[in-house]
Amino acid sequence: MTEDVARRVAEQVRVCFGLRLSAMQRVTHGADQYASLWLASTVDGARYAVKLSGGGTAAGLAVTAYLAGQGVPGIAAPVSTRDGRLWVDHDGHRLSVVPWVSDRRALDGPMTTAHWRGYGEVLAAVHAVPVSDELSRLLPVGGAAYPSIVAATRAMAERLRDPDPADPAGPVVADLAGVWSTVADRVRTLTREVERLAVDQRDRPAPLVVCHGDPHLGNLLLGADGQVWLIDWDDAVLASRECDLMFVRGGVLAFAPITPEQQRAVLAGYGTTDVDPARVAWFLAVRALDDLSDWTRQALDTDAEAADRDRAARIVRGLVSPVGLVTLADAALRDLGARH
């Protein structure tokens, strides 16, 4: 993003949100390829997260406004425009403003036991709010896209099974073909079990609650005395609570696993250990397939920057590592089979 874009964004924030920004610093961490984020400051020292979103929907902004209005802790409500909207259009992107609540990411640590408990408490409070009619209309059902995810995974597996030397992605195709070959059996198992367990879940539906949809440690900010904030609600869904609680099982991120002790602290804050293992395994498997196929697609995207493609390829390798999500999902399915 150029300085001109930042200048135009700052001007629109002034006109639409009534905030005069004195500085804008680009935030480069994060995995959303369709978003741009700035840490913005006003002349009086207030700080805000200013975001341009090109993907998804505005449902996440409506969710956080609703949750904050319901008194849920750890939620930064979006700033409204002068005419009461939660976002405005900026060159085809959603421009939103949210208070900047903390500089401390959970990924950077350290997280105390109180923070882990607070993490569970925030998830519990989110899941406990009544689902409004507006949210029922706005939010997709978690996991409903699994057929397209399975199809994309099978298509990518076919592409990498016998790489075409003329493939425009070049040597990266051969490299990732080798990575996929090490987990070919696991990927076939995951795709098969995702379809099988989807039928099982339809036969025994669970209550749908508001879920963050992506509550890993990269979307958690830390404050003093165990305070935590759950941010980036672009993937909010209606789903069974296991859609969020699966992130407590091992942590999902290969480079940030959650220990059993930390898991116990989260569940103590959440207030229950009554979690359906079949639903956890299903959501883990769906997420594993989605991440594996999508990050591979990004690594093979010849229109992308080389640095972005390299980063995507590293993430793919992490996904299939001994602590990666593909491994976690496979283990959850094996545990589930051992229970029957």
Protein backbone atom coordinates (compact mmCIF):
# COMPACT_ATOMS: atom_id res chain seq x y z
CA MET A 1 0.00 0.00 0.00
CA THR A 2 1.35 3.42 -0.92
CA GLU A 3 1.50 6.54 1.22
CA ASP A 4 -1.18 7.98 -1.04
CA VAL A 5 -3.57 5.19 -0.06
CA ALA A 6 -2.88 5.83 3.64
CA ARG A 7 -3.46 9.55 3.12
CA ARG A 8 -6.79 8.95 1.38
CA VAL A 9 -7.86 6.49 4.07
CA ALA A 10 -7.00 9.02 6.80
CA GLU A 11 -9.07 11.67 5.03
CA GLN A 12 -12.06 9.36 4.78
CA VAL A 13 -11.72 8.48 8.47
CA ARG A 14 -11.85 12.22 9.24
CA VAL A 15 -14.89 12.85 7.05
CA CYS A 16 -16.90 9.74 7.91
CA PHE A 17 -15.83 8.85 11.46
CA GLY A 18 -14.95 12.31 12.75
CA LEU A 19 -11.43 11.31 13.79
CA ARG A 20 -8.42 13.44 12.87
CA LEU A 21 -5.47 11.07 12.51
CA SER A 22 -1.97 12.40 13.13
CA ALA A 23 -0.10 9.18 12.25
CA MET A 24 -0.71 5.85 10.51
CA GLN A 25 1.64 2.90 10.87
CA ARG A 26 1.13 -0.14 8.64
CA VAL A 27 0.71 -3.41 10.55
CA THR A 28 2.30 -6.23 8.60
CA HIS A 29 1.62 -9.31 10.72
CA GLY A 30 -1.50 -11.35 10.02
CA ALA A 31 -2.55 -13.91 7.45
CA ASP A 32 -5.42 -12.11 5.69
CA GLN A 33 -4.23 -11.50 2.13
CA TYR A 34 -7.34 -9.44 1.40
CA ALA A 35 -6.94 -6.88 4.21
CA SER A 36 -4.73 -3.93 5.09
CA LEU A 37 -4.37 -2.72 8.67
CA TRP A 38 -2.91 0.41 10.24
CA LEU A 39 -2.23 1.49 13.82
CA ALA A 40 -3.55 5.05 13.70
CA SER A 41 -3.16 7.80 16.29
CA THR A 42 -5.09 11.01 16.82
CA VAL A 43 -3.62 14.30 18.02
CA ASP A 44 -4.95 13.68 21.53
CA GLY A 45 -3.13 10.32 21.78
CA ALA A 46 -6.05 7.95 21.16
CA ARG A 47 -5.15 4.92 19.05
CA TYR A 48 -7.26 2.95 16.60
CA ALA A 49 -7.05 -0.05 14.31
CA VAL A 50 -7.97 1.22 10.84
CA LYS A 51 -8.73 -1.63 8.45
CA LEU A 52 -9.49 -2.06 4.77
CA SER A 53 -11.14 -5.43 4.13
CA GLY A 54 -11.49 -6.82 0.64
CA GLY A 55 -12.80 -10.29 1.47
CA GLY A 56 -15.63 -11.79 3.48
CA THR A 57 -18.53 -9.69 4.70
CA ALA A 58 -19.25 -6.98 7.24
CA ALA A 59 -20.87 -9.51 9.56
CA GLY A 60 -17.89 -9.45 11.92
CA LEU A 61 -18.42 -5.76 12.62
CA ALA A 62 -22.11 -6.34 13.37
CA VAL A 63 -21.17 -9.24 15.66
CA THR A 64 -18.68 -7.25 17.73
CA ALA A 65 -21.07 -4.32 18.04
CA TYR A 66 -23.77 -6.72 19.25
CA LEU A 67 -21.49 -8.62 21.64
CA ALA A 68 -20.15 -5.43 23.19
CA GLY A 69 -23.73 -4.21 23.58
CA GLN A 70 -24.53 -7.46 25.41
CA GLY A 71 -21.69 -6.76 27.86
CA VAL A 72 -19.38 -9.51 26.65
CA PRO A 73 -15.87 -8.83 27.99
CA GLY A 74 -12.81 -8.74 25.77
CA ILE A 75 -14.62 -7.34 22.71
CA ALA A 76 -13.54 -4.09 21.05
CA ALA A 77 -16.66 -2.58 19.53
CA PRO A 78 -16.25 -0.80 16.17
CA VAL A 79 -16.45 2.99 16.05
CA SER A 80 -19.60 4.20 14.33
CA THR A 81 -19.60 6.73 11.53
CA ARG A 82 -21.21 10.12 11.94
CA ASP A 83 -24.43 8.68 10.52
CA GLY A 84 -24.36 5.49 12.63
CA ARG A 85 -22.83 2.97 10.22
CA LEU A 86 -20.13 0.45 11.21
CA TRP A 87 -18.10 0.82 8.01
CA VAL A 88 -17.91 2.77 4.77
CA ASP A 89 -16.87 1.85 1.25
CA HIS A 90 -13.36 2.77 0.12
CA ASP A 91 -12.56 1.82 -3.47
CA GLY A 92 -14.55 -1.41 -3.15
CA HIS A 93 -13.15 -2.27 0.29
CA ARG A 94 -14.77 -1.96 3.72
CA LEU A 95 -13.15 0.75 5.82
CA SER A 96 -13.67 0.26 9.56
CA VAL A 97 -12.24 1.75 12.75
CA VAL A 98 -11.86 -0.07 16.07
CA PRO A 99 -10.15 1.11 19.28
CA TRP A 100 -6.58 -0.18 19.56
CA VAL A 101 -6.81 -2.03 22.87
CA SER A 102 -3.35 -3.53 23.31
CA ASP A 103 0.12 -3.87 21.74
CA ARG A 104 0.64 -7.32 23.25
CA ARG A 105 -0.24 -10.26 21.04
CA ALA A 106 -0.76 -13.62 22.72
CA LEU A 107 1.59 -15.12 20.13
CA ASP A 108 4.37 -12.92 21.48
CA GLY A 109 3.50 -13.80 25.09
CA PRO A 110 4.02 -14.40 27.80
CA MET A 111 0.54 -15.65 28.66
CA THR A 112 -0.10 -16.18 32.36
CA THR A 113 -2.49 -18.76 33.76
CA ALA A 114 -4.91 -15.87 34.28
CA HIS A 115 -4.70 -15.03 30.58
CA TRP A 116 -5.46 -18.63 29.62
CA ARG A 117 -8.46 -18.61 31.96
CA GLY A 118 -9.54 -15.26 30.52
CA TYR A 119 -9.37 -16.75 27.04
CA GLY A 120 -11.85 -19.42 28.12
CA GLU A 121 -14.06 -16.89 29.88
CA VAL A 122 -14.36 -14.73 26.76
CA LEU A 123 -15.27 -17.74 24.59
CA ALA A 124 -17.88 -18.81 27.15
CA ALA A 125 -19.42 -15.33 27.24
CA VAL A 126 -19.57 -15.17 23.44
CA HIS A 127 -21.23 -18.57 23.22
CA ALA A 128 -23.77 -17.63 25.90
CA VAL A 129 -25.28 -14.59 24.15
CA PRO A 130 -28.68 -15.07 22.53
CA VAL A 131 -28.58 -15.21 18.74
CA SER A 132 -30.44 -12.17 17.41
CA ASP A 133 -32.53 -12.23 14.24
CA GLU A 134 -29.97 -9.98 12.56
CA LEU A 135 -27.10 -12.35 13.32
CA SER A 136 -29.15 -15.30 12.10
CA ARG A 137 -29.48 -13.50 8.76
CA LEU A 138 -25.88 -12.30 8.57
CA LEU A 139 -23.79 -15.21 9.77
CA PRO A 140 -23.07 -18.35 7.76
CA VAL A 141 -23.25 -21.75 9.42
CA GLY A 142 -19.82 -22.95 10.48
CA GLY A 143 -18.46 -25.75 8.30
CA ALA A 144 -21.26 -25.47 5.73
CA ALA A 145 -18.67 -24.94 2.98
CA TYR A 146 -17.07 -28.34 3.58
CA PRO A 147 -18.17 -29.82 0.19
CA SER A 148 -16.25 -27.12 -1.70
CA ILE A 149 -13.28 -27.53 0.65
CA VAL A 150 -13.21 -31.28 0.04
CA ALA A 151 -13.46 -30.70 -3.71
CA ALA A 152 -10.63 -28.15 -3.67
CA THR A 153 -8.45 -30.53 -1.66
CA ARG A 154 -9.02 -33.42 -4.06
CA ALA A 155 -8.33 -31.18 -7.05
CA MET A 156 -5.06 -29.98 -5.52
CA ALA A 157 -4.05 -33.54 -4.62
CA GLU A 158 -4.64 -34.55 -8.23
CA ARG A 159 -2.55 -31.64 -9.50
CA LEU A 160 0.35 -32.56 -7.22
CA ARG A 161 0.10 -36.33 -7.61
CA ASP A 162 1.73 -36.22 -11.04
CA PRO A 163 3.15 -32.69 -11.56
CA ASP A 164 3.18 -31.38 -15.10
CA PRO A 165 6.69 -30.17 -16.05
CA ALA A 166 5.03 -27.37 -18.00
CA ASP A 167 3.06 -26.14 -14.95
CA PRO A 168 3.61 -22.36 -14.76
CA ALA A 169 4.33 -22.62 -11.02
CA GLY A 170 7.59 -24.35 -11.93
CA PRO A 171 9.85 -25.92 -9.27
CA VAL A 172 7.43 -24.99 -6.46
CA VAL A 173 4.98 -27.57 -7.80
CA ALA A 174 7.53 -30.35 -7.56
CA ASP A 175 8.56 -29.20 -4.08
CA LEU A 176 5.01 -29.14 -2.74
CA ALA A 177 4.21 -32.39 -4.51
CA GLY A 178 6.88 -33.94 -2.33
CA VAL A 179 5.35 -32.37 0.78
CA TRP A 180 1.86 -33.62 -0.08
CA SER A 181 3.15 -37.12 -0.85
CA THR A 182 4.29 -37.51 2.76
CA VAL A 183 0.70 -37.03 3.99
CA ALA A 184 -1.28 -38.45 1.07
CA ASP A 185 -2.87 -41.18 3.18
CA ARG A 186 -3.77 -38.70 5.91
CA VAL A 187 -5.36 -36.31 3.43
CA ARG A 188 -7.46 -39.10 1.93
CA THR A 189 -8.57 -40.08 5.44
CA LEU A 190 -9.47 -36.52 6.34
CA THR A 191 -11.55 -35.99 3.21
CA ARG A 192 -13.38 -39.28 3.70
CA GLU A 193 -14.05 -38.65 7.39
CA VAL A 194 -15.20 -35.08 6.85
CA GLU A 195 -17.93 -36.37 4.55
CA ARG A 196 -18.85 -39.25 6.86
CA LEU A 197 -18.99 -37.17 10.04
CA ALA A 198 -21.03 -34.47 8.31
CA VAL A 199 -23.82 -37.00 7.93
CA ASP A 200 -23.48 -37.98 11.59
CA GLN A 201 -23.77 -34.35 12.68
CA ARG A 202 -26.88 -33.80 10.58
CA ASP A 203 -28.46 -36.75 12.37
CA ARG A 204 -27.75 -35.27 15.82
CA PRO A 205 -27.77 -31.48 15.50
CA ALA A 206 -26.31 -29.31 18.26
CA PRO A 207 -27.46 -25.84 19.32
CA LEU A 208 -25.93 -23.12 17.17
CA VAL A 209 -24.18 -20.28 19.00
CA VAL A 210 -22.19 -17.25 17.90
CA CYS A 211 -18.62 -18.41 17.23
CA HIS A 212 -15.55 -16.38 16.42
CA GLY A 213 -14.56 -19.06 13.92
CA ASP A 214 -10.80 -18.39 14.13
CA PRO A 215 -9.89 -17.76 17.81
CA HIS A 216 -6.24 -18.79 17.64
CA LEU A 217 -3.56 -16.93 19.59
CA GLY A 218 -2.84 -14.64 16.64
CA ASN A 219 -6.29 -13.11 17.22
CA LEU A 220 -5.87 -12.71 20.97
CA LEU A 221 -4.44 -9.59 22.64
CA LEU A 222 -3.22 -9.42 26.24
CA GLY A 223 -3.67 -6.84 28.97
CA ALA A 224 -2.86 -6.60 32.66
CA ASP A 225 -4.28 -8.93 35.32
CA GLY A 226 -5.39 -11.62 32.88
CA GLN A 227 -7.37 -9.29 30.60
CA VAL A 228 -7.67 -10.57 27.02
CA TRP A 229 -9.33 -9.25 23.87
CA LEU A 230 -10.54 -11.40 21.01
CA ILE A 231 -10.08 -9.52 17.73
CA ASP A 232 -10.57 -9.99 13.97
CA TRP A 233 -14.10 -11.33 13.66
CA ASP A 234 -14.14 -11.62 9.86
CA ASP A 235 -14.76 -15.38 10.08
CA ALA A 236 -17.63 -15.25 12.58
CA VAL A 237 -20.20 -18.02 12.14
CA LEU A 238 -23.14 -19.73 13.77
CA ALA A 239 -22.00 -23.18 14.83
CA SER A 240 -21.78 -25.58 17.72
CA ARG A 241 -19.32 -24.36 20.33
CA GLU A 242 -16.79 -26.98 19.23
CA CYS A 243 -16.10 -24.77 16.19
CA ASP A 244 -14.21 -22.45 18.57
CA LEU A 245 -13.14 -24.93 21.21
CA MET A 246 -11.19 -26.99 18.67
CA PHE A 247 -8.60 -24.20 18.79
CA VAL A 248 -7.91 -25.16 22.40
CA ARG A 249 -6.95 -28.68 21.36
CA GLY A 250 -3.22 -28.37 20.72
CA GLY A 251 -3.57 -24.79 19.51
CA VAL A 252 -4.09 -25.40 15.74
CA LEU A 253 -1.07 -23.21 14.86
CA ALA A 254 1.98 -25.43 14.31
CA PHE A 255 4.34 -22.82 15.74
CA ALA A 256 2.20 -22.12 18.82
CA PRO A 257 0.98 -25.42 20.33
CA ILE A 258 -1.09 -25.30 23.53
CA THR A 259 0.09 -27.53 26.36
CA PRO A 260 -2.26 -29.78 28.36
CA GLU A 261 -1.85 -27.47 31.37
CA GLN A 262 -2.82 -24.43 29.30
CA GLN A 263 -5.74 -26.33 27.84
CA ARG A 264 -7.00 -27.11 31.34
CA ALA A 265 -6.77 -23.42 32.27
CA VAL A 266 -8.84 -22.42 29.22
CA LEU A 267 -11.52 -24.99 29.98
CA ALA A 268 -11.55 -23.93 33.64
CA GLY A 269 -12.29 -20.40 32.46
CA TYR A 270 -14.86 -21.69 29.98
CA GLY A 271 -16.62 -23.54 32.77
CA THR A 272 -17.07 -27.01 31.33
CA THR A 273 -15.16 -29.94 29.92
CA ASP A 274 -18.26 -31.39 28.25
CA VAL A 275 -17.02 -31.08 24.66
CA ASP A 276 -18.19 -33.40 21.88
CA PRO A 277 -15.04 -35.11 20.51
CA ALA A 278 -16.71 -36.00 17.19
CA ARG A 279 -17.56 -32.37 16.48
CA VAL A 280 -14.07 -31.24 17.52
CA ALA A 281 -12.54 -33.83 15.18
CA TRP A 282 -14.83 -32.77 12.32
CA PHE A 283 -14.08 -29.06 12.64
CA LEU A 284 -10.35 -29.82 12.95
CA ALA A 285 -10.44 -31.92 9.79
CA VAL A 286 -12.40 -29.30 7.82
CA ARG A 287 -9.98 -26.57 8.91
CA ALA A 288 -6.96 -28.76 8.11
CA LEU A 289 -8.18 -29.42 4.57
CA ASP A 290 -9.11 -25.79 4.01
CA ASP A 291 -5.75 -24.49 5.22
CA LEU A 292 -3.75 -27.12 3.38
CA SER A 293 -5.46 -26.60 0.01
CA ASP A 294 -5.71 -22.80 0.25
CA TRP A 295 -2.13 -22.14 1.42
CA THR A 296 -0.90 -24.51 -1.29
CA ARG A 297 -2.95 -22.56 -3.84
CA GLN A 298 -1.34 -19.33 -2.63
CA ALA A 299 2.14 -20.88 -2.84
CA LEU A 300 1.47 -21.84 -6.47
CA ASP A 301 -0.04 -18.49 -7.45
CA THR A 302 2.32 -17.14 -10.10
CA ASP A 303 0.70 -13.69 -9.87
CA ALA A 304 1.66 -13.33 -6.21
CA GLU A 305 4.86 -11.79 -4.83
CA ALA A 306 7.73 -14.22 -4.33
CA ALA A 307 7.89 -13.45 -0.60
CA ASP A 308 4.18 -14.22 -0.20
CA ARG A 309 4.54 -17.49 -2.09
CA ASP A 310 7.53 -18.51 0.03
CA ARG A 311 5.60 -17.73 3.21
CA ALA A 312 2.63 -19.78 2.00
CA ALA A 313 4.93 -22.73 1.22
CA ARG A 314 6.42 -22.54 4.74
CA ILE A 315 2.93 -22.60 6.22
CA VAL A 316 2.09 -25.71 4.17
CA ARG A 317 5.14 -27.45 5.60
CA GLY A 318 4.07 -26.42 9.08
CA LEU A 319 0.59 -27.82 8.53
CA VAL A 320 1.97 -31.30 7.82
CA SER A 321 4.63 -31.18 10.56
CA PRO A 322 4.36 -33.39 13.70
CA VAL A 323 2.63 -30.50 15.53
CA GLY A 324 0.73 -29.19 12.50
CA LEU A 325 -3.00 -29.07 11.96
CA VAL A 326 -3.09 -32.01 9.55
CA THR A 327 -1.40 -34.13 12.21
CA LEU A 328 -3.72 -32.83 14.95
CA ALA A 329 -6.83 -33.55 12.89
CA ASP A 330 -5.61 -37.03 12.00
CA ALA A 331 -4.90 -37.76 15.68
CA ALA A 332 -8.36 -36.52 16.69
CA LEU A 333 -9.97 -38.85 14.16
CA ARG A 334 -7.87 -41.77 15.39
CA ASP A 335 -8.85 -41.00 18.99
CA LEU A 336 -12.46 -40.86 17.92
CA GLY A 337 -12.16 -44.28 16.26
CA ALA A 338 -10.60 -45.72 19.41
CA ARG A 339 -13.63 -44.59 21.41
CA HIS A 340 -15.98 -46.75 19.33
